[in-house]
Amino acid sequence: LLFFLFVLQTASYAATYTWTGNISSAWNNPGNWSGPLPVVPSLLDDVIIPSGRPNDLIITSAQFVRSMVVESGATVTISSAGTLFVNNAIGDAIDNAGIISNAGNIAIPNAAARGIFNHSGAIFTNDGTISIGTDNLSTVSNGIRNEGTNTNFLNNGTINIERANDTALQYT
């Protein structure tokens, strides 16, 4: 009973989980994540996707997190059946220094800073749908900030940026 209460209490707080990719490319396998509990990340959690893992992350269903950092050299793919829902980040919702390929959906209703920060040298390809700032009660500072040229943020899909306090799409 004490263990159950500890897990229940711990699960109600945000934690950081790091992708290991030790088992497969599947988000839903707890063996692919390291963190405070042997579970997959959830809506309250921040995730880090580092490079050099045995399997790259492929999102094939709906996944919910508070924020995602994709480090340089790491790859994240969101399949046409996948959805990445990132909400209530205390900084940038998605901080990309690696490679993100979206053929599905990315939803970022609210973030304290930018919806997507795509660093110089990073690659972000959108062939799906991105929706940012859609929470009627909240906003993001910049919808998308892209450092570098327009060749490192490629859009062949749909982007909706609603409530942005600053610039909806910023290239620097």
Protein backbone atom coordinates (compact mmCIF):
# COMPACT_ATOMS: atom_id res chain seq x y z
CA LEU A 1 0.00 0.00 0.00
CA LEU A 2 2.82 2.45 0.81
CA PHE A 3 4.42 1.80 -2.60
CA PHE A 4 1.09 2.47 -4.34
CA LEU A 5 0.66 5.75 -2.45
CA PHE A 6 4.24 6.77 -3.32
CA VAL A 7 3.66 6.06 -7.03
CA LEU A 8 0.32 7.87 -7.00
CA GLN A 9 1.84 10.92 -5.29
CA THR A 10 4.95 10.95 -7.49
CA ALA A 11 2.92 10.55 -10.68
CA SER A 12 1.09 13.82 -9.99
CA TYR A 13 4.27 15.90 -10.36
CA ALA A 14 6.23 16.77 -13.48
CA ALA A 15 9.31 14.71 -14.19
CA THR A 16 11.95 14.57 -16.93
CA TYR A 17 12.26 11.43 -19.06
CA THR A 18 15.10 10.73 -21.48
CA TRP A 19 14.71 8.61 -24.60
CA THR A 20 17.01 5.58 -24.56
CA GLY A 21 15.64 3.71 -27.58
CA ASN A 22 17.04 0.55 -26.01
CA ILE A 23 14.14 -1.70 -27.03
CA SER A 24 12.59 -0.22 -30.19
CA SER A 25 11.39 3.01 -31.82
CA ALA A 26 8.05 2.86 -29.95
CA TRP A 27 7.10 5.63 -27.53
CA ASN A 28 4.77 3.33 -25.57
CA ASN A 29 7.47 0.94 -24.35
CA PRO A 30 8.73 1.92 -20.85
CA GLY A 31 12.04 0.20 -21.67
CA ASN A 32 12.76 3.00 -24.16
CA TRP A 33 12.74 5.68 -21.43
CA SER A 34 14.81 6.52 -18.38
CA GLY A 35 13.31 8.62 -15.62
CA PRO A 36 12.15 8.55 -12.01
CA LEU A 37 9.55 5.81 -12.66
CA PRO A 38 9.57 2.87 -15.09
CA VAL A 39 6.77 4.33 -17.22
CA VAL A 40 6.36 6.25 -20.46
CA PRO A 41 6.17 10.06 -20.21
CA SER A 42 2.77 11.70 -19.87
CA LEU A 43 1.10 15.10 -20.04
CA LEU A 44 2.95 16.53 -17.03
CA ASP A 45 6.42 15.41 -18.13
CA ASP A 46 9.32 16.96 -20.02
CA VAL A 47 11.17 14.72 -22.48
CA ILE A 48 14.72 14.84 -23.84
CA ILE A 49 15.64 13.05 -27.06
CA PRO A 50 19.46 12.70 -27.23
CA SER A 51 21.55 11.51 -30.17
CA GLY A 52 23.38 8.23 -30.45
CA ARG A 53 20.56 5.95 -29.34
CA PRO A 54 20.09 2.45 -30.82
CA ASN A 55 16.61 3.36 -32.16
CA ASP A 56 15.24 6.75 -33.22
CA LEU A 57 11.86 7.78 -31.79
CA ILE A 58 8.86 7.24 -34.08
CA ILE A 59 5.48 8.49 -32.81
CA THR A 60 2.64 6.41 -34.28
CA SER A 61 -0.24 7.30 -31.93
CA ALA A 62 -1.34 10.19 -29.70
CA GLN A 63 1.34 11.18 -27.14
CA PHE A 64 1.11 13.92 -24.52
CA VAL A 65 3.98 15.82 -22.84
CA ARG A 66 4.70 19.20 -21.27
CA SER A 67 7.81 19.87 -23.39
CA MET A 68 10.25 18.17 -25.76
CA VAL A 69 13.95 18.86 -26.36
CA VAL A 70 15.49 17.21 -29.43
CA GLU A 71 19.26 17.40 -29.10
CA SER A 72 21.71 17.84 -31.99
CA GLY A 73 22.07 14.60 -33.96
CA ALA A 74 18.80 13.12 -32.64
CA THR A 75 15.84 12.26 -34.88
CA VAL A 76 12.10 12.27 -34.12
CA THR A 77 9.50 11.14 -36.65
CA ILE A 78 5.77 11.69 -36.25
CA SER A 79 4.00 9.29 -38.60
CA SER A 80 0.78 10.12 -40.43
CA ALA A 81 -1.11 8.25 -37.67
CA GLY A 82 0.80 10.05 -34.89
CA THR A 83 0.00 13.10 -32.80
CA LEU A 84 2.36 14.95 -30.48
CA PHE A 85 0.41 17.07 -27.99
CA VAL A 86 2.69 19.49 -26.08
CA ASN A 87 1.01 21.72 -23.52
CA ASN A 88 1.89 24.06 -20.64
CA ALA A 89 5.66 24.12 -21.20
CA ILE A 90 7.43 26.40 -18.75
CA GLY A 91 9.80 27.38 -21.59
CA ASP A 92 9.75 26.41 -25.26
CA ALA A 93 7.25 23.65 -26.06
CA ILE A 94 9.52 22.02 -28.68
CA ASP A 95 13.22 22.92 -28.66
CA ASN A 96 14.78 21.33 -31.75
CA ALA A 97 18.52 21.15 -32.39
CA GLY A 98 18.20 17.82 -34.24
CA ILE A 99 15.84 16.51 -36.91
CA ILE A 100 12.04 16.43 -36.65
CA SER A 101 9.86 15.05 -39.43
CA ASN A 102 6.10 15.52 -39.01
CA ALA A 103 3.63 13.70 -41.26
CA GLY A 104 0.93 13.65 -38.55
CA ASN A 105 -0.17 16.30 -36.09
CA ILE A 106 1.61 18.54 -33.62
CA ALA A 107 -0.65 20.44 -31.21
CA ILE A 108 0.80 23.11 -28.89
CA PRO A 109 -2.13 24.88 -27.22
CA ASN A 110 0.00 26.80 -24.72
CA ALA A 111 3.63 27.44 -23.79
CA ALA A 112 5.36 30.04 -21.61
CA ALA A 113 7.82 30.84 -24.42
CA ARG A 114 7.92 29.68 -28.05
CA GLY A 115 5.77 26.97 -29.56
CA ILE A 116 8.68 25.66 -31.66
CA PHE A 117 12.29 26.82 -31.47
CA ASN A 118 14.23 25.40 -34.43
CA HIS A 119 17.94 26.06 -33.94
CA SER A 120 20.43 26.89 -36.68
CA GLY A 121 21.61 23.61 -38.18
CA ALA A 122 18.46 21.76 -37.09
CA ILE A 123 16.02 20.34 -39.63
CA PHE A 124 12.24 20.50 -39.21
CA THR A 125 10.06 19.10 -41.99
CA ASN A 126 6.28 19.49 -41.76
CA ASP A 127 4.13 17.47 -44.14
CA GLY A 128 1.29 17.25 -41.62
CA THR A 129 -0.45 19.80 -39.40
CA ILE A 130 0.97 22.07 -36.70
CA SER A 131 -1.40 24.03 -34.44
CA ILE A 132 0.09 26.53 -31.96
CA GLY A 133 -1.55 28.86 -29.42
CA THR A 134 -5.02 27.38 -29.71
CA ASP A 135 -5.84 27.55 -25.98
CA ASN A 136 -8.39 30.37 -25.62
CA LEU A 137 -6.98 31.30 -22.22
CA SER A 138 -3.27 31.40 -23.07
CA THR A 139 -0.68 32.46 -25.61
CA VAL A 140 2.86 31.69 -26.72
CA SER A 141 5.59 34.33 -27.18
CA ASN A 142 6.59 33.29 -30.74
CA GLY A 143 4.66 30.66 -32.62
CA ILE A 144 7.75 29.36 -34.44
CA ARG A 145 11.25 30.77 -34.22
CA ASN A 146 13.62 29.45 -36.85
CA GLU A 147 17.31 30.27 -36.65
CA GLY A 148 19.17 29.89 -39.89
CA THR A 149 17.68 29.85 -43.36
CA ASN A 150 14.29 28.85 -44.65
CA THR A 151 15.84 25.59 -45.86
CA ASN A 152 16.06 24.18 -42.32
CA PHE A 153 12.31 24.62 -41.68
CA LEU A 154 10.45 23.03 -44.58
CA ASN A 155 6.67 23.25 -44.70
CA ASN A 156 4.56 21.30 -47.16
CA GLY A 157 1.70 20.91 -44.69
CA THR A 158 -0.55 23.20 -42.66
CA ILE A 159 0.49 25.55 -39.87
CA ASN A 160 -2.06 27.33 -37.64
CA ILE A 161 -0.62 29.91 -35.25
CA GLU A 162 -3.28 31.65 -33.22
CA ARG A 163 -2.53 33.62 -30.05
CA ALA A 164 1.17 34.63 -30.25
CA ASN A 165 2.28 37.58 -28.08
CA ASP A 166 5.17 38.43 -30.37
CA THR A 167 5.80 37.13 -33.87
CA ALA A 168 3.84 34.20 -35.26
CA LEU A 169 6.74 33.06 -37.47
CA GLN A 170 10.21 34.46 -36.88
CA TYR A 171 13.32 33.77 -38.98
CA THR A 172 16.61 34.97 -37.53
